[in-house]
Every structure is written in structure tokens, then in C-alpha cells.
Amino acid sequence: AEAGARVTLVTGPVFLPTPDRVQRIDVVSARDMLAACEAAMP
């Protein structure tokens, strides 16, 4: 994000604050993560 990119962050269960200017998508399982990534493409 600091480098100027539009960032989509797909993350499993963690306890971290979302970085500024980053779109965060929370998932649980591997299949959830794959579905979220495919939805965020291209």
C-alpha cells in the first residue's frame, strides 16, 4: 500500500490490525481462502 498499490488482503484467523488503505477479507478454511482469492481476481 505504501508503494501505491491497490491491495486486497485475504487472511486467516489472526489478531492484527488492518493496515491503512488495505481491503481485508477474513476467512477461516483453505477452501474459504481459495474462494475469496478467486473472487478478488484478476
ModelCIF file with pLDDT and N, C-alpha, C, O atoms, coordinates in Angstrom:
data_MODEL
#
_entry.id   MODEL 
#
_entity.id                         1 
_entity.type                       polymer 
_entity.pdbx_number_of_molecules   1 
#
_entity_poly.entity_id                      1 
_entity_poly.type                           'polypeptide(L)' 
_entity_poly.nstd_linkage                   no 
_entity_poly.nstd_monomer                   no 
_entity_poly.pdbx_seq_one_letter_code       AEAGARVTLVTGPVFLPTPDRVQRIDVVSARDMLAACEAAMP 
_entity_poly.pdbx_seq_one_letter_code_can   AEAGARVTLVTGPVFLPTPDRVQRIDVVSARDMLAACEAAMP 
_entity_poly.pdbx_strand_id                 A 
#
loop_
_entity_poly_seq.entity_id 
_entity_poly_seq.num 
_entity_poly_seq.mon_id 
_entity_poly_seq.hetero 
1 1  ALA n 
1 2  GLU n 
1 3  ALA n 
1 4  GLY n 
1 5  ALA n 
1 6  ARG n 
1 7  VAL n 
1 8  THR n 
1 9  LEU n 
1 10 VAL n 
1 11 THR n 
1 12 GLY n 
1 13 PRO n 
1 14 VAL n 
1 15 PHE n 
1 16 LEU n 
1 17 PRO n 
1 18 THR n 
1 19 PRO n 
1 20 ASP n 
1 21 ARG n 
1 22 VAL n 
1 23 GLN n 
1 24 ARG n 
1 25 ILE n 
1 26 ASP n 
1 27 VAL n 
1 28 VAL n 
1 29 SER n 
1 30 ALA n 
1 31 ARG n 
1 32 ASP n 
1 33 MET n 
1 34 LEU n 
1 35 ALA n 
1 36 ALA n 
1 37 CYS n 
1 38 GLU n 
1 39 ALA n 
1 40 ALA n 
1 41 MET n 
1 42 PRO n 
#
_struct_asym.id          A 
_struct_asym.entity_id   1 
#
loop_
_ma_qa_metric.id 
_ma_qa_metric.mode 
_ma_qa_metric.name 
_ma_qa_metric.software_group_id 
_ma_qa_metric.type 
1 global pLDDT . pLDDT 
2 local  pLDDT . pLDDT 
#
_ma_qa_metric_global.metric_id      1 
_ma_qa_metric_global.metric_value   94.67 
_ma_qa_metric_global.model_id       1 
_ma_qa_metric_global.ordinal_id     1 
#
loop_
_ma_qa_metric_local.label_asym_id 
_ma_qa_metric_local.label_comp_id 
_ma_qa_metric_local.label_seq_id 
_ma_qa_metric_local.metric_id 
_ma_qa_metric_local.metric_value 
_ma_qa_metric_local.model_id 
_ma_qa_metric_local.ordinal_id 
A ALA 1  2 93.00 1 1  
A GLU 2  2 90.00 1 2  
A ALA 3  2 92.00 1 3  
A GLY 4  2 91.00 1 4  
A ALA 5  2 95.00 1 5  
A ARG 6  2 96.00 1 6  
A VAL 7  2 97.00 1 7  
A THR 8  2 97.00 1 8  
A LEU 9  2 98.00 1 9  
A VAL 10 2 97.00 1 10 
A THR 11 2 97.00 1 11 
A GLY 12 2 96.00 1 12 
A PRO 13 2 95.00 1 13 
A VAL 14 2 94.00 1 14 
A PHE 15 2 92.00 1 15 
A LEU 16 2 92.00 1 16 
A PRO 17 2 91.00 1 17 
A THR 18 2 92.00 1 18 
A PRO 19 2 89.00 1 19 
A ASP 20 2 85.00 1 20 
A ARG 21 2 90.00 1 21 
A VAL 22 2 94.00 1 22 
A GLN 23 2 96.00 1 23 
A ARG 24 2 97.00 1 24 
A ILE 25 2 97.00 1 25 
A ASP 26 2 97.00 1 26 
A VAL 27 2 97.00 1 27 
A VAL 28 2 96.00 1 28 
A SER 29 2 95.00 1 29 
A ALA 30 2 95.00 1 30 
A ARG 31 2 96.00 1 31 
A ASP 32 2 96.00 1 32 
A MET 33 2 96.00 1 33 
A LEU 34 2 97.00 1 34 
A ALA 35 2 97.00 1 35 
A ALA 36 2 97.00 1 36 
A CYS 37 2 96.00 1 37 
A GLU 38 2 96.00 1 38 
A ALA 39 2 96.00 1 39 
A ALA 40 2 96.00 1 40 
A MET 41 2 95.00 1 41 
A PRO 42 2 95.00 1 42 
#
loop_
_atom_site.group_PDB 
_atom_site.id 
_atom_site.type_symbol 
_atom_site.label_atom_id 
_atom_site.label_alt_id 
_atom_site.label_comp_id 
_atom_site.label_asym_id 
_atom_site.label_entity_id 
_atom_site.label_seq_id 
_atom_site.pdbx_PDB_ins_code 
_atom_site.Cartn_x 
_atom_site.Cartn_y 
_atom_site.Cartn_z 
_atom_site.occupancy 
_atom_site.B_iso_or_equiv 
_atom_site.pdbx_formal_charge 
_atom_site.auth_seq_id 
_atom_site.auth_comp_id 
_atom_site.auth_asym_id 
_atom_site.auth_atom_id 
_atom_site.pdbx_PDB_model_num 
ATOM 1   N N  . ALA A 1 1  ? 0.828   -1.204  0.000   1.00 93.00 ? 1  ALA A N  1 
ATOM 2   C CA . ALA A 1 1  ? 0.000   0.000   0.000   1.00 93.00 ? 1  ALA A CA 1 
ATOM 3   C C  . ALA A 1 1  ? 0.864   1.257   0.000   1.00 93.00 ? 1  ALA A C  1 
ATOM 4   O O  . ALA A 1 1  ? 0.541   2.238   -0.670  1.00 93.00 ? 1  ALA A O  1 
ATOM 5   N N  . GLU A 1 2  ? 1.959   1.227   0.749   1.00 90.00 ? 2  GLU A N  1 
ATOM 6   C CA . GLU A 1 2  ? 2.886   2.357   0.751   1.00 90.00 ? 2  GLU A CA 1 
ATOM 7   C C  . GLU A 1 2  ? 3.501   2.559   -0.623  1.00 90.00 ? 2  GLU A C  1 
ATOM 8   O O  . GLU A 1 2  ? 3.856   3.679   -0.991  1.00 90.00 ? 2  GLU A O  1 
ATOM 9   N N  . ALA A 1 3  ? 3.629   1.470   -1.389  1.00 92.00 ? 3  ALA A N  1 
ATOM 10  C CA . ALA A 1 3  ? 4.197   1.553   -2.734  1.00 92.00 ? 3  ALA A CA 1 
ATOM 11  C C  . ALA A 1 3  ? 3.165   2.000   -3.765  1.00 92.00 ? 3  ALA A C  1 
ATOM 12  O O  . ALA A 1 3  ? 3.470   2.079   -4.955  1.00 92.00 ? 3  ALA A O  1 
ATOM 13  N N  . GLY A 1 4  ? 1.953   2.289   -3.319  1.00 91.00 ? 4  GLY A N  1 
ATOM 14  C CA . GLY A 1 4  ? 0.936   2.838   -4.208  1.00 91.00 ? 4  GLY A CA 1 
ATOM 15  C C  . GLY A 1 4  ? -0.032  1.839   -4.792  1.00 91.00 ? 4  GLY A C  1 
ATOM 16  O O  . GLY A 1 4  ? -0.895  2.216   -5.585  1.00 91.00 ? 4  GLY A O  1 
ATOM 17  N N  . ALA A 1 5  ? 0.084   0.563   -4.421  1.00 95.00 ? 5  ALA A N  1 
ATOM 18  C CA . ALA A 1 5  ? -0.774  -0.470  -4.993  1.00 95.00 ? 5  ALA A CA 1 
ATOM 19  C C  . ALA A 1 5  ? -2.158  -0.464  -4.344  1.00 95.00 ? 5  ALA A C  1 
ATOM 20  O O  . ALA A 1 5  ? -2.336  -0.014  -3.212  1.00 95.00 ? 5  ALA A O  1 
ATOM 21  N N  . ARG A 1 6  ? -3.124  -0.974  -5.093  1.00 96.00 ? 6  ARG A N  1 
ATOM 22  C CA . ARG A 1 6  ? -4.418  -1.328  -4.515  1.00 96.00 ? 6  ARG A CA 1 
ATOM 23  C C  . ARG A 1 6  ? -4.264  -2.746  -3.977  1.00 96.00 ? 6  ARG A C  1 
ATOM 24  O O  . ARG A 1 6  ? -3.948  -3.670  -4.726  1.00 96.00 ? 6  ARG A O  1 
ATOM 25  N N  . VAL A 1 7  ? -4.487  -2.911  -2.684  1.00 97.00 ? 7  VAL A N  1 
ATOM 26  C CA . VAL A 1 7  ? -4.143  -4.171  -2.027  1.00 97.00 ? 7  VAL A CA 1 
ATOM 27  C C  . VAL A 1 7  ? -5.391  -4.860  -1.499  1.00 97.00 ? 7  VAL A C  1 
ATOM 28  O O  . VAL A 1 7  ? -6.191  -4.263  -0.778  1.00 97.00 ? 7  VAL A O  1 
ATOM 29  N N  . THR A 1 8  ? -5.544  -6.125  -1.869  1.00 97.00 ? 8  THR A N  1 
ATOM 30  C CA . THR A 1 8  ? -6.557  -6.993  -1.273  1.00 97.00 ? 8  THR A CA 1 
ATOM 31  C C  . THR A 1 8  ? -5.832  -8.019  -0.421  1.00 97.00 ? 8  THR A C  1 
ATOM 32  O O  . THR A 1 8  ? -4.996  -8.774  -0.918  1.00 97.00 ? 8  THR A O  1 
ATOM 33  N N  . LEU A 1 9  ? -6.157  -8.043  0.865   1.00 98.00 ? 9  LEU A N  1 
ATOM 34  C CA . LEU A 1 9  ? -5.505  -8.934  1.822   1.00 98.00 ? 9  LEU A CA 1 
ATOM 35  C C  . LEU A 1 9  ? -6.513  -9.981  2.276   1.00 98.00 ? 9  LEU A C  1 
ATOM 36  O O  . LEU A 1 9  ? -7.487  -9.660  2.957   1.00 98.00 ? 9  LEU A O  1 
ATOM 37  N N  . VAL A 1 10 ? -6.277  -11.230 1.899   1.00 97.00 ? 10 VAL A N  1 
ATOM 38  C CA . VAL A 1 10 ? -7.128  -12.342 2.315   1.00 97.00 ? 10 VAL A CA 1 
ATOM 39  C C  . VAL A 1 10 ? -6.411  -13.052 3.455   1.00 97.00 ? 10 VAL A C  1 
ATOM 40  O O  . VAL A 1 10 ? -5.332  -13.613 3.264   1.00 97.00 ? 10 VAL A O  1 
ATOM 41  N N  . THR A 1 11 ? -7.007  -13.027 4.628   1.00 97.00 ? 11 THR A N  1 
ATOM 42  C CA . THR A 1 11 ? -6.299  -13.513 5.803   1.00 97.00 ? 11 THR A CA 1 
ATOM 43  C C  . THR A 1 11 ? -7.102  -14.539 6.574   1.00 97.00 ? 11 THR A C  1 
ATOM 44  O O  . THR A 1 11 ? -8.322  -14.440 6.703   1.00 97.00 ? 11 THR A O  1 
ATOM 45  N N  . GLY A 1 12 ? -6.377  -15.535 7.087   1.00 96.00 ? 12 GLY A N  1 
ATOM 46  C CA . GLY A 1 12 ? -6.964  -16.473 8.024   1.00 96.00 ? 12 GLY A CA 1 
ATOM 47  C C  . GLY A 1 12 ? -7.114  -15.823 9.384   1.00 96.00 ? 12 GLY A C  1 
ATOM 48  O O  . GLY A 1 12 ? -6.850  -14.630 9.529   1.00 96.00 ? 12 GLY A O  1 
ATOM 49  N N  . PRO A 1 13 ? -7.538  -16.592 10.394  1.00 95.00 ? 13 PRO A N  1 
ATOM 50  C CA . PRO A 1 13 ? -7.802  -16.023 11.722  1.00 95.00 ? 13 PRO A CA 1 
ATOM 51  C C  . PRO A 1 13 ? -6.529  -15.513 12.404  1.00 95.00 ? 13 PRO A C  1 
ATOM 52  O O  . PRO A 1 13 ? -5.675  -16.307 12.800  1.00 95.00 ? 13 PRO A O  1 
ATOM 53  N N  . VAL A 1 14 ? -6.406  -14.210 12.537  1.00 94.00 ? 14 VAL A N  1 
ATOM 54  C CA . VAL A 1 14 ? -5.274  -13.581 13.217  1.00 94.00 ? 14 VAL A CA 1 
ATOM 55  C C  . VAL A 1 14 ? -5.789  -12.421 14.058  1.00 94.00 ? 14 VAL A C  1 
ATOM 56  O O  . VAL A 1 14 ? -6.934  -11.992 13.912  1.00 94.00 ? 14 VAL A O  1 
ATOM 57  N N  . PHE A 1 15 ? -4.940  -11.927 14.930  1.00 92.00 ? 15 PHE A N  1 
ATOM 58  C CA . PHE A 1 15 ? -5.302  -10.804 15.794  1.00 92.00 ? 15 PHE A CA 1 
ATOM 59  C C  . PHE A 1 15 ? -4.385  -9.627  15.483  1.00 92.00 ? 15 PHE A C  1 
ATOM 60  O O  . PHE A 1 15 ? -3.570  -9.221  16.312  1.00 92.00 ? 15 PHE A O  1 
ATOM 61  N N  . LEU A 1 16 ? -4.530  -9.092  14.289  1.00 92.00 ? 16 LEU A N  1 
ATOM 62  C CA . LEU A 1 16 ? -3.688  -7.986  13.824  1.00 92.00 ? 16 LEU A CA 1 
ATOM 63  C C  . LEU A 1 16 ? -4.581  -6.881  13.260  1.00 92.00 ? 16 LEU A C  1 
ATOM 64  O O  . LEU A 1 16 ? -5.614  -7.163  12.653  1.00 92.00 ? 16 LEU A O  1 
ATOM 65  N N  . PRO A 1 17 ? -4.181  -5.619  13.461  1.00 91.00 ? 17 PRO A N  1 
ATOM 66  C CA . PRO A 1 17 ? -4.956  -4.514  12.886  1.00 91.00 ? 17 PRO A CA 1 
ATOM 67  C C  . PRO A 1 17 ? -4.782  -4.462  11.377  1.00 91.00 ? 17 PRO A C  1 
ATOM 68  O O  . PRO A 1 17 ? -3.725  -4.821  10.857  1.00 91.00 ? 17 PRO A O  1 
ATOM 69  N N  . THR A 1 18 ? -5.804  -4.019  10.680  1.00 92.00 ? 18 THR A N  1 
ATOM 70  C CA . THR A 1 18 ? -5.750  -3.913  9.227   1.00 92.00 ? 18 THR A CA 1 
ATOM 71  C C  . THR A 1 18 ? -4.880  -2.733  8.824   1.00 92.00 ? 18 THR A C  1 
ATOM 72  O O  . THR A 1 18 ? -5.112  -1.621  9.298   1.00 92.00 ? 18 THR A O  1 
ATOM 73  N N  . PRO A 1 19 ? -3.884  -2.936  7.962   1.00 89.00 ? 19 PRO A N  1 
ATOM 74  C CA . PRO A 1 19 ? -3.068  -1.801  7.508   1.00 89.00 ? 19 PRO A CA 1 
ATOM 75  C C  . PRO A 1 19 ? -3.913  -0.748  6.795   1.00 89.00 ? 19 PRO A C  1 
ATOM 76  O O  . PRO A 1 19 ? -4.945  -1.060  6.201   1.00 89.00 ? 19 PRO A O  1 
ATOM 77  N N  . ASP A 1 20 ? -3.473  0.470   6.863   1.00 85.00 ? 20 ASP A N  1 
ATOM 78  C CA . ASP A 1 20 ? -4.173  1.578   6.225   1.00 85.00 ? 20 ASP A CA 1 
ATOM 79  C C  . ASP A 1 20 ? -4.234  1.369   4.713   1.00 85.00 ? 20 ASP A C  1 
ATOM 80  O O  . ASP A 1 20 ? -3.258  0.932   4.103   1.00 85.00 ? 20 ASP A O  1 
ATOM 81  N N  . ARG A 1 21 ? -5.370  1.680   4.119   1.00 90.00 ? 21 ARG A N  1 
ATOM 82  C CA . ARG A 1 21 ? -5.600  1.621   2.669   1.00 90.00 ? 21 ARG A CA 1 
ATOM 83  C C  . ARG A 1 21 ? -5.533  0.201   2.109   1.00 90.00 ? 21 ARG A C  1 
ATOM 84  O O  . ARG A 1 21 ? -5.206  0.008   0.939   1.00 90.00 ? 21 ARG A O  1 
ATOM 85  N N  . VAL A 1 22 ? -5.839  -0.778  2.935   1.00 94.00 ? 22 VAL A N  1 
ATOM 86  C CA . VAL A 1 22 ? -5.836  -2.177  2.516   1.00 94.00 ? 22 VAL A CA 1 
ATOM 87  C C  . VAL A 1 22 ? -7.241  -2.746  2.686   1.00 94.00 ? 22 VAL A C  1 
ATOM 88  O O  . VAL A 1 22 ? -7.858  -2.582  3.739   1.00 94.00 ? 22 VAL A O  1 
ATOM 89  N N  . GLN A 1 23 ? -7.747  -3.416  1.648   1.00 96.00 ? 23 GLN A N  1 
ATOM 90  C CA . GLN A 1 23 ? -9.029  -4.113  1.743   1.00 96.00 ? 23 GLN A CA 1 
ATOM 91  C C  . GLN A 1 23 ? -8.784  -5.490  2.338   1.00 96.00 ? 23 GLN A C  1 
ATOM 92  O O  . GLN A 1 23 ? -8.050  -6.298  1.770   1.00 96.00 ? 23 GLN A O  1 
ATOM 93  N N  . ARG A 1 24 ? -9.397  -5.751  3.476   1.00 97.00 ? 24 ARG A N  1 
ATOM 94  C CA . ARG A 1 24 ? -9.173  -7.003  4.197   1.00 97.00 ? 24 ARG A CA 1 
ATOM 95  C C  . ARG A 1 24 ? -10.380 -7.919  4.058   1.00 97.00 ? 24 ARG A C  1 
ATOM 96  O O  . ARG A 1 24 ? -11.522 -7.487  4.217   1.00 97.00 ? 24 ARG A O  1 
ATOM 97  N N  . ILE A 1 25 ? -10.116 -9.189  3.759   1.00 97.00 ? 25 ILE A N  1 
ATOM 98  C CA . ILE A 1 25 ? -11.150 -10.208 3.681   1.00 97.00 ? 25 ILE A CA 1 
ATOM 99  C C  . ILE A 1 25 ? -10.771 -11.321 4.644   1.00 97.00 ? 25 ILE A C  1 
ATOM 100 O O  . ILE A 1 25 ? -9.733  -11.960 4.470   1.00 97.00 ? 25 ILE A O  1 
ATOM 101 N N  . ASP A 1 26 ? -11.591 -11.562 5.650   1.00 97.00 ? 26 ASP A N  1 
ATOM 102 C CA . ASP A 1 26 ? -11.308 -12.591 6.647   1.00 97.00 ? 26 ASP A CA 1 
ATOM 103 C C  . ASP A 1 26 ? -11.931 -13.920 6.239   1.00 97.00 ? 26 ASP A C  1 
ATOM 104 O O  . ASP A 1 26 ? -13.096 -13.979 5.848   1.00 97.00 ? 26 ASP A O  1 
ATOM 105 N N  . VAL A 1 27 ? -11.145 -14.975 6.334   1.00 97.00 ? 27 VAL A N  1 
ATOM 106 C CA . VAL A 1 27 ? -11.614 -16.323 6.016   1.00 97.00 ? 27 VAL A CA 1 
ATOM 107 C C  . VAL A 1 27 ? -11.168 -17.258 7.137   1.00 97.00 ? 27 VAL A C  1 
ATOM 108 O O  . VAL A 1 27 ? -10.435 -16.861 8.042   1.00 97.00 ? 27 VAL A O  1 
ATOM 109 N N  . VAL A 1 28 ? -11.626 -18.504 7.056   1.00 96.00 ? 28 VAL A N  1 
ATOM 110 C CA . VAL A 1 28 ? -11.261 -19.487 8.075   1.00 96.00 ? 28 VAL A CA 1 
ATOM 111 C C  . VAL A 1 28 ? -10.494 -20.652 7.457   1.00 96.00 ? 28 VAL A C  1 
ATOM 112 O O  . VAL A 1 28 ? -9.350  -20.911 7.830   1.00 96.00 ? 28 VAL A O  1 
ATOM 113 N N  . SER A 1 29 ? -11.114 -21.347 6.521   1.00 95.00 ? 29 SER A N  1 
ATOM 114 C CA . SER A 1 29 ? -10.519 -22.574 5.993   1.00 95.00 ? 29 SER A CA 1 
ATOM 115 C C  . SER A 1 29 ? -9.771  -22.316 4.690   1.00 95.00 ? 29 SER A C  1 
ATOM 116 O O  . SER A 1 29 ? -9.851  -21.231 4.114   1.00 95.00 ? 29 SER A O  1 
ATOM 117 N N  . ALA A 1 30 ? -9.044  -23.333 4.238   1.00 95.00 ? 30 ALA A N  1 
ATOM 118 C CA . ALA A 1 30 ? -8.328  -23.240 2.966   1.00 95.00 ? 30 ALA A CA 1 
ATOM 119 C C  . ALA A 1 30 ? -9.296  -23.050 1.807   1.00 95.00 ? 30 ALA A C  1 
ATOM 120 O O  . ALA A 1 30 ? -9.023  -22.275 0.891   1.00 95.00 ? 30 ALA A O  1 
ATOM 121 N N  . ARG A 1 31 ? -10.423 -23.751 1.843   1.00 96.00 ? 31 ARG A N  1 
ATOM 122 C CA . ARG A 1 31 ? -11.404 -23.600 0.772   1.00 96.00 ? 31 ARG A CA 1 
ATOM 123 C C  . ARG A 1 31 ? -12.008 -22.201 0.776   1.00 96.00 ? 31 ARG A C  1 
ATOM 124 O O  . ARG A 1 31 ? -12.277 -21.632 -0.282  1.00 96.00 ? 31 ARG A O  1 
ATOM 125 N N  . ASP A 1 32 ? -12.221 -21.648 1.974   1.00 96.00 ? 32 ASP A N  1 
ATOM 126 C CA . ASP A 1 32 ? -12.694 -20.256 2.066   1.00 96.00 ? 32 ASP A CA 1 
ATOM 127 C C  . ASP A 1 32 ? -11.682 -19.308 1.437   1.00 96.00 ? 32 ASP A C  1 
ATOM 128 O O  . ASP A 1 32 ? -12.049 -18.379 0.717   1.00 96.00 ? 32 ASP A O  1 
ATOM 129 N N  . MET A 1 33 ? -10.403 -19.552 1.718   1.00 96.00 ? 33 MET A N  1 
ATOM 130 C CA . MET A 1 33 ? -9.358  -18.664 1.211   1.00 96.00 ? 33 MET A CA 1 
ATOM 131 C C  . MET A 1 33 ? -9.280  -18.725 -0.310  1.00 96.00 ? 33 MET A C  1 
ATOM 132 O O  . MET A 1 33 ? -9.129  -17.696 -0.969  1.00 96.00 ? 33 MET A O  1 
ATOM 133 N N  . LEU A 1 34 ? -9.383  -19.934 -0.870  1.00 97.00 ? 34 LEU A N  1 
ATOM 134 C CA . LEU A 1 34 ? -9.352  -20.067 -2.325  1.00 97.00 ? 34 LEU A CA 1 
ATOM 135 C C  . LEU A 1 34 ? -10.531 -19.335 -2.957  1.00 97.00 ? 34 LEU A C  1 
ATOM 136 O O  . LEU A 1 34 ? -10.359 -18.632 -3.953  1.00 97.00 ? 34 LEU A O  1 
ATOM 137 N N  . ALA A 1 35 ? -11.716 -19.489 -2.395  1.00 97.00 ? 35 ALA A N  1 
ATOM 138 C CA . ALA A 1 35 ? -12.899 -18.820 -2.947  1.00 97.00 ? 35 ALA A CA 1 
ATOM 139 C C  . ALA A 1 35 ? -12.751 -17.308 -2.893  1.00 97.00 ? 35 ALA A C  1 
ATOM 140 O O  . ALA A 1 35 ? -13.115 -16.611 -3.840  1.00 97.00 ? 35 ALA A O  1 
ATOM 141 N N  . ALA A 1 36 ? -12.213 -16.796 -1.780  1.00 97.00 ? 36 ALA A N  1 
ATOM 142 C CA . ALA A 1 36 ? -12.024 -15.351 -1.646  1.00 97.00 ? 36 ALA A CA 1 
ATOM 143 C C  . ALA A 1 36 ? -10.993 -14.836 -2.638  1.00 97.00 ? 36 ALA A C  1 
ATOM 144 O O  . ALA A 1 36 ? -11.158 -13.755 -3.204  1.00 97.00 ? 36 ALA A O  1 
ATOM 145 N N  . CYS A 1 37 ? -9.931  -15.604 -2.852  1.00 96.00 ? 37 CYS A N  1 
ATOM 146 C CA . CYS A 1 37 ? -8.905  -15.197 -3.813  1.00 96.00 ? 37 CYS A CA 1 
ATOM 147 C C  . CYS A 1 37 ? -9.449  -15.193 -5.238  1.00 96.00 ? 37 CYS A C  1 
ATOM 148 O O  . CYS A 1 37 ? -9.178  -14.272 -6.008  1.00 96.00 ? 37 CYS A O  1 
ATOM 149 N N  . GLU A 1 38 ? -10.206 -16.208 -5.583  1.00 96.00 ? 38 GLU A N  1 
ATOM 150 C CA . GLU A 1 38 ? -10.776 -16.266 -6.937  1.00 96.00 ? 38 GLU A CA 1 
ATOM 151 C C  . GLU A 1 38 ? -11.752 -15.123 -7.163  1.00 96.00 ? 38 GLU A C  1 
ATOM 152 O O  . GLU A 1 38 ? -11.839 -14.580 -8.265  1.00 96.00 ? 38 GLU A O  1 
ATOM 153 N N  . ALA A 1 39 ? -12.491 -14.755 -6.111  1.00 96.00 ? 39 ALA A N  1 
ATOM 154 C CA . ALA A 1 39 ? -13.418 -13.629 -6.235  1.00 96.00 ? 39 ALA A CA 1 
ATOM 155 C C  . ALA A 1 39 ? -12.688 -12.307 -6.385  1.00 96.00 ? 39 ALA A C  1 
ATOM 156 O O  . ALA A 1 39 ? -13.220 -11.368 -6.976  1.00 96.00 ? 39 ALA A O  1 
ATOM 157 N N  . ALA A 1 40 ? -11.452 -12.222 -5.847  1.00 96.00 ? 40 ALA A N  1 
ATOM 158 C CA . ALA A 1 40 ? -10.674 -10.975 -5.914  1.00 96.00 ? 40 ALA A CA 1 
ATOM 159 C C  . ALA A 1 40 ? -9.911  -10.826 -7.222  1.00 96.00 ? 40 ALA A C  1 
ATOM 160 O O  . ALA A 1 40 ? -9.380  -9.753  -7.507  1.00 96.00 ? 40 ALA A O  1 
ATOM 161 N N  . MET A 1 41 ? -9.848  -11.883 -8.016  1.00 95.00 ? 41 MET A N  1 
ATOM 162 C CA . MET A 1 41 ? -9.148  -11.817 -9.305  1.00 95.00 ? 41 MET A CA 1 
ATOM 163 C C  . MET A 1 41 ? -9.946  -10.962 -10.287 1.00 95.00 ? 41 MET A C  1 
ATOM 164 O O  . MET A 1 41 ? -11.158 -10.824 -10.126 1.00 95.00 ? 41 MET A O  1 
ATOM 165 N N  . PRO A 1 42 ? -9.292  -10.381 -11.307 1.00 95.00 ? 42 PRO A N  1 
ATOM 166 C CA . PRO A 1 42 ? -7.868  -10.510 -11.617 1.00 95.00 ? 42 PRO A CA 1 
ATOM 167 C C  . PRO A 1 42 ? -7.016  -9.569  -10.771 1.00 95.00 ? 42 PRO A C  1 
ATOM 168 O O  . PRO A 1 42 ? -5.793  -9.553  -10.909 1.00 95.00 ? 42 PRO A O  1 
#
